[in-house]
Amino acid sequence: MALLEIRDIRAGYGRIEILKGISMDVEEGQVVSIIGPNGAGKSTVFKTLFGMLRVTAGQVRFAGQEVTNLPPSRLLKQGIAYVPQGRNVFPLMSVEQNLRLGAYIRPRSAALEAEIARVYDTFPALEERRHQRASDLSGGQQQMLEMGRALLLKPRLLLLDEPTLGLAPIVFKEIFRIIEDLRRAGQTILMVEQNAAQALEISDYAYVLELGRNKFEGTGAAIRTDERIRRLYLGR
């Protein structure tokens, strides 16, 4: 049984249906990527999984339990954390305050303090700026702050929507390195990423969407080397 099971879900915005029967599995400890052209429904998958859009048909199961259409607050407690695309920090609060706010559902404890220290180990740039306002961070540092804040919830599944969007190449390489480190530590990640070729290099499995439907799926290596996919979706 996969950690996350998505079966034939349909969802959209009002009468506009975007997802037209998507199915996916995410095994524990894997990095799984969703790729495809603009308008394929990639980010809509995340909004639907995280209870921001209503599933009109189909089923979502997490850790063996049905979670279809649960609100985000319930999903957080179930063990799913979501880092949406764009920068979503609290700009007037410090890095440290942003992190602690991310762990708001957890009581203060020695274990929490140890995990905050672990976040700083994972993202050294944040430790150097722990007392600075989040608005003073670079785009890459703000992305790291969002990821660190989500990790303090101790999620079994981390949803990353376009984690390198708008970042310089040297910075998105660092984000990918961190994602690889998280996988080696056992973190399960489902990721939507515009840098598809780079994402496939670190993905255990991948799904290609087109117009709200499954088009291809396979291991990251198989998808990356498939000539049809390279020509249609990777620009190679």
Protein backbone atom coordinates (compact mmCIF):
# COMPACT_ATOMS: atom_id res chain seq x y z
CA MET A 1 0.00 0.00 0.00
CA ALA A 2 1.39 3.38 -1.04
CA LEU A 3 1.60 6.23 1.47
CA LEU A 4 -0.51 8.41 -0.86
CA GLU A 5 -3.07 6.93 -3.24
CA ILE A 6 -4.96 9.11 -5.70
CA ARG A 7 -7.69 7.37 -7.65
CA ASP A 8 -9.52 8.93 -10.61
CA ILE A 9 -9.93 12.36 -9.03
CA ARG A 10 -11.80 15.13 -10.76
CA ALA A 11 -11.65 18.74 -9.61
CA GLY A 12 -11.55 22.29 -10.86
CA TYR A 13 -12.78 25.83 -10.41
CA GLY A 14 -16.55 26.13 -10.38
CA ARG A 15 -17.85 24.62 -13.57
CA ILE A 16 -14.39 24.47 -15.14
CA GLU A 17 -13.01 20.97 -14.65
CA ILE A 18 -9.20 20.90 -14.63
CA LEU A 19 -8.43 17.39 -13.36
CA LYS A 20 -10.20 14.77 -15.42
CA GLY A 21 -9.53 11.50 -13.65
CA ILE A 22 -5.96 11.73 -12.34
CA SER A 23 -4.46 8.68 -10.57
CA MET A 24 -1.10 8.52 -8.75
CA ASP A 25 0.74 6.62 -6.03
CA VAL A 26 3.55 7.91 -3.81
CA GLU A 27 5.53 5.33 -1.88
CA GLU A 28 7.04 6.20 1.48
CA GLY A 29 10.59 7.53 1.24
CA GLN A 30 10.29 8.45 -2.44
CA VAL A 31 10.67 11.71 -4.32
CA VAL A 32 7.93 11.77 -6.95
CA SER A 33 7.68 14.53 -9.56
CA ILE A 34 4.72 15.78 -11.58
CA ILE A 35 5.69 17.39 -14.86
CA GLY A 36 3.86 18.59 -17.95
CA PRO A 37 3.14 21.71 -20.01
CA ASN A 38 1.49 24.84 -18.65
CA GLY A 39 -2.21 24.23 -18.10
CA ALA A 40 -1.76 20.51 -17.51
CA GLY A 41 -3.22 20.75 -13.99
CA LYS A 42 -0.03 20.19 -12.00
CA SER A 43 -0.58 22.80 -9.29
CA THR A 44 -4.29 21.98 -9.24
CA VAL A 45 -3.36 18.49 -8.06
CA PHE A 46 -1.74 20.01 -4.96
CA LYS A 47 -4.58 22.41 -4.23
CA THR A 48 -6.99 19.50 -4.48
CA LEU A 49 -4.89 17.18 -2.31
CA PHE A 50 -4.57 19.87 0.35
CA GLY A 51 -8.29 20.55 0.58
CA MET A 52 -8.21 23.93 -1.16
CA LEU A 53 -10.29 22.68 -4.08
CA ARG A 54 -13.10 20.18 -3.83
CA VAL A 55 -12.82 16.68 -5.29
CA THR A 56 -15.98 16.13 -7.33
CA ALA A 57 -15.25 12.48 -8.09
CA GLY A 58 -12.62 9.94 -7.10
CA GLN A 59 -10.76 9.26 -3.88
CA VAL A 60 -7.61 10.27 -2.01
CA ARG A 61 -6.13 7.95 0.63
CA PHE A 62 -3.20 8.76 2.91
CA ALA A 63 -1.52 6.19 5.17
CA GLY A 64 -4.44 3.85 4.58
CA GLN A 65 -7.16 6.35 5.49
CA GLU A 66 -9.49 8.24 3.20
CA VAL A 67 -8.72 11.97 3.29
CA THR A 68 -10.80 13.13 0.31
CA ASN A 69 -11.95 16.72 0.83
CA LEU A 70 -10.58 17.05 4.37
CA PRO A 71 -9.73 20.70 5.21
CA PRO A 72 -6.06 21.79 5.32
CA SER A 73 -6.04 21.92 9.15
CA ARG A 74 -7.00 18.24 9.32
CA LEU A 75 -4.49 17.27 6.64
CA LEU A 76 -1.68 19.01 8.54
CA LYS A 77 -2.50 16.91 11.58
CA GLN A 78 -2.62 13.80 9.41
CA GLY A 79 0.97 14.51 8.35
CA ILE A 80 0.77 16.39 5.03
CA ALA A 81 2.59 19.73 4.66
CA TYR A 82 2.30 21.99 1.62
CA VAL A 83 4.78 24.58 0.37
CA PRO A 84 2.91 26.51 -2.36
CA GLN A 85 4.62 28.28 -5.23
CA GLY A 86 5.70 31.86 -4.73
CA ARG A 87 7.06 33.35 -1.53
CA ASN A 88 4.74 32.90 1.45
CA VAL A 89 6.73 34.10 4.46
CA PHE A 90 5.67 36.53 7.16
CA PRO A 91 7.79 39.48 5.96
CA LEU A 92 7.92 41.56 9.15
CA MET A 93 8.79 38.61 11.39
CA SER A 94 12.29 37.26 11.86
CA VAL A 95 13.50 33.98 10.41
CA GLU A 96 13.30 32.42 13.88
CA GLN A 97 9.76 33.68 14.42
CA ASN A 98 8.67 32.35 11.03
CA LEU A 99 10.04 28.92 11.89
CA ARG A 100 8.38 28.79 15.29
CA LEU A 101 5.08 29.88 13.79
CA GLY A 102 5.35 26.93 11.43
CA ALA A 103 5.38 24.60 14.41
CA TYR A 104 2.33 26.25 16.01
CA ILE A 105 0.44 22.95 16.36
CA ARG A 106 3.27 21.44 18.41
CA PRO A 107 3.97 22.12 22.10
CA ARG A 108 7.25 23.70 23.17
CA SER A 109 9.67 20.93 24.05
CA ALA A 110 13.31 19.90 23.93
CA ALA A 111 12.48 17.79 20.88
CA LEU A 112 11.13 20.83 19.04
CA GLU A 113 14.24 22.85 19.90
CA ALA A 114 16.38 20.02 18.55
CA GLU A 115 14.40 20.01 15.32
CA ILE A 116 14.76 23.76 14.90
CA ALA A 117 18.51 23.26 15.28
CA ARG A 118 18.30 20.51 12.64
CA VAL A 119 16.54 22.91 10.25
CA TYR A 120 19.40 25.35 10.71
CA ASP A 121 21.85 22.53 9.98
CA THR A 122 19.94 21.74 6.79
CA PHE A 123 19.71 25.40 5.75
CA PRO A 124 22.89 27.13 7.05
CA ALA A 125 21.94 30.37 5.29
CA LEU A 126 18.96 30.66 7.61
CA GLU A 127 21.00 30.27 10.78
CA GLU A 128 23.23 33.15 9.72
CA ARG A 129 20.11 35.30 9.39
CA ARG A 130 17.93 33.94 12.17
CA HIS A 131 17.28 37.39 13.67
CA GLN A 132 16.74 39.19 10.36
CA ARG A 133 13.31 39.99 8.98
CA ALA A 134 12.09 37.52 6.38
CA SER A 135 11.53 40.38 3.93
CA ASP A 136 15.30 40.99 3.90
CA LEU A 137 16.06 37.48 2.63
CA SER A 138 16.77 36.66 -1.00
CA GLY A 139 14.20 34.67 -2.99
CA GLY A 140 16.19 31.46 -2.50
CA GLN A 141 16.52 32.04 1.24
CA GLN A 142 12.78 32.67 1.52
CA GLN A 143 12.15 29.37 -0.26
CA MET A 144 14.45 27.64 2.23
CA LEU A 145 12.57 29.30 5.08
CA GLU A 146 9.26 27.99 3.77
CA MET A 147 10.65 24.48 3.43
CA GLY A 148 12.19 24.59 6.89
CA ARG A 149 8.94 25.85 8.39
CA ALA A 150 7.03 22.98 6.76
CA LEU A 151 9.55 20.40 8.00
CA LEU A 152 8.96 21.49 11.60
CA LEU A 153 5.48 20.00 11.28
CA LYS A 154 7.22 16.61 10.93
CA PRO A 155 5.22 15.73 7.82
CA ARG A 156 5.11 12.21 6.47
CA LEU A 157 4.49 13.80 3.06
CA LEU A 158 5.89 17.14 1.90
CA LEU A 159 4.23 18.80 -1.11
CA LEU A 160 6.57 21.18 -2.96
CA ASP A 161 4.98 23.30 -5.69
CA GLU A 162 7.61 24.83 -8.00
CA PRO A 163 10.34 25.12 -5.34
CA THR A 164 12.82 26.74 -7.77
CA LEU A 165 10.40 29.14 -9.48
CA GLY A 166 12.15 32.41 -10.30
CA LEU A 167 15.47 31.42 -8.74
CA ALA A 168 18.90 31.85 -10.30
CA PRO A 169 20.54 28.62 -11.55
CA ILE A 170 23.10 28.54 -8.75
CA VAL A 171 20.30 28.81 -6.19
CA PHE A 172 18.00 26.18 -7.69
CA LYS A 173 20.94 23.73 -7.73
CA GLU A 174 21.22 24.27 -3.97
CA ILE A 175 17.47 23.66 -3.53
CA PHE A 176 17.73 20.39 -5.45
CA ARG A 177 20.72 19.36 -3.34
CA ILE A 178 18.65 19.94 -0.20
CA ILE A 179 15.77 17.90 -1.63
CA GLU A 180 18.17 15.04 -2.28
CA ASP A 181 19.45 15.30 1.30
CA LEU A 182 15.87 15.17 2.60
CA ARG A 183 15.18 12.05 0.57
CA ARG A 184 18.29 10.37 1.94
CA ALA A 185 16.99 11.19 5.43
CA GLY A 186 13.74 9.37 4.58
CA GLN A 187 11.44 12.31 3.79
CA THR A 188 8.67 11.54 1.28
CA ILE A 189 8.23 14.35 -1.25
CA LEU A 190 5.71 14.99 -4.03
CA MET A 191 6.95 17.82 -6.22
CA VAL A 192 5.76 19.94 -9.11
CA GLU A 193 8.76 21.50 -10.83
CA GLN A 194 9.29 23.65 -13.92
CA ASN A 195 12.89 22.44 -14.31
CA ALA A 196 11.62 19.05 -15.40
CA ALA A 197 14.93 17.54 -16.51
CA GLN A 198 16.60 18.44 -13.21
CA ALA A 199 13.63 17.18 -11.21
CA LEU A 200 13.66 13.83 -13.01
CA GLU A 201 17.33 13.33 -12.10
CA ILE A 202 16.45 13.18 -8.40
CA SER A 203 13.02 11.53 -8.70
CA ASP A 204 12.31 7.91 -7.92
CA TYR A 205 9.12 8.10 -9.96
CA ALA A 206 7.36 10.67 -12.13
CA TYR A 207 4.00 11.42 -13.70
CA VAL A 208 3.51 13.43 -16.89
CA LEU A 209 0.18 15.26 -17.08
CA GLU A 210 -1.49 16.73 -20.13
CA LEU A 211 -4.81 18.59 -20.11
CA GLY A 212 -5.76 17.23 -16.71
CA ARG A 213 -5.09 13.59 -17.50
CA ASN A 214 -2.29 11.08 -16.95
CA LYS A 215 -0.17 10.94 -20.11
CA PHE A 216 2.95 8.97 -19.07
CA GLU A 217 4.43 7.56 -15.89
CA GLY A 218 7.55 5.68 -14.89
CA THR A 219 10.78 5.91 -12.96
CA GLY A 220 12.57 9.23 -13.11
CA ALA A 221 15.33 7.65 -15.21
CA ALA A 222 12.85 6.08 -17.66
CA ILE A 223 10.89 9.29 -18.13
CA ARG A 224 14.08 11.34 -18.53
CA THR A 225 15.47 9.08 -21.28
CA ASP A 226 12.23 8.41 -23.18
CA GLU A 227 12.67 10.03 -26.60
CA ARG A 228 8.98 10.95 -26.95
CA ILE A 229 8.95 12.69 -23.59
CA ARG A 230 12.29 14.40 -24.17
CA ARG A 231 10.99 15.80 -27.46
CA LEU A 232 7.54 16.82 -26.21
CA TYR A 233 8.16 18.01 -22.65
CA LEU A 234 11.88 18.47 -22.00
CA GLY A 235 12.78 20.49 -25.10
CA ARG A 236 15.54 18.13 -26.10
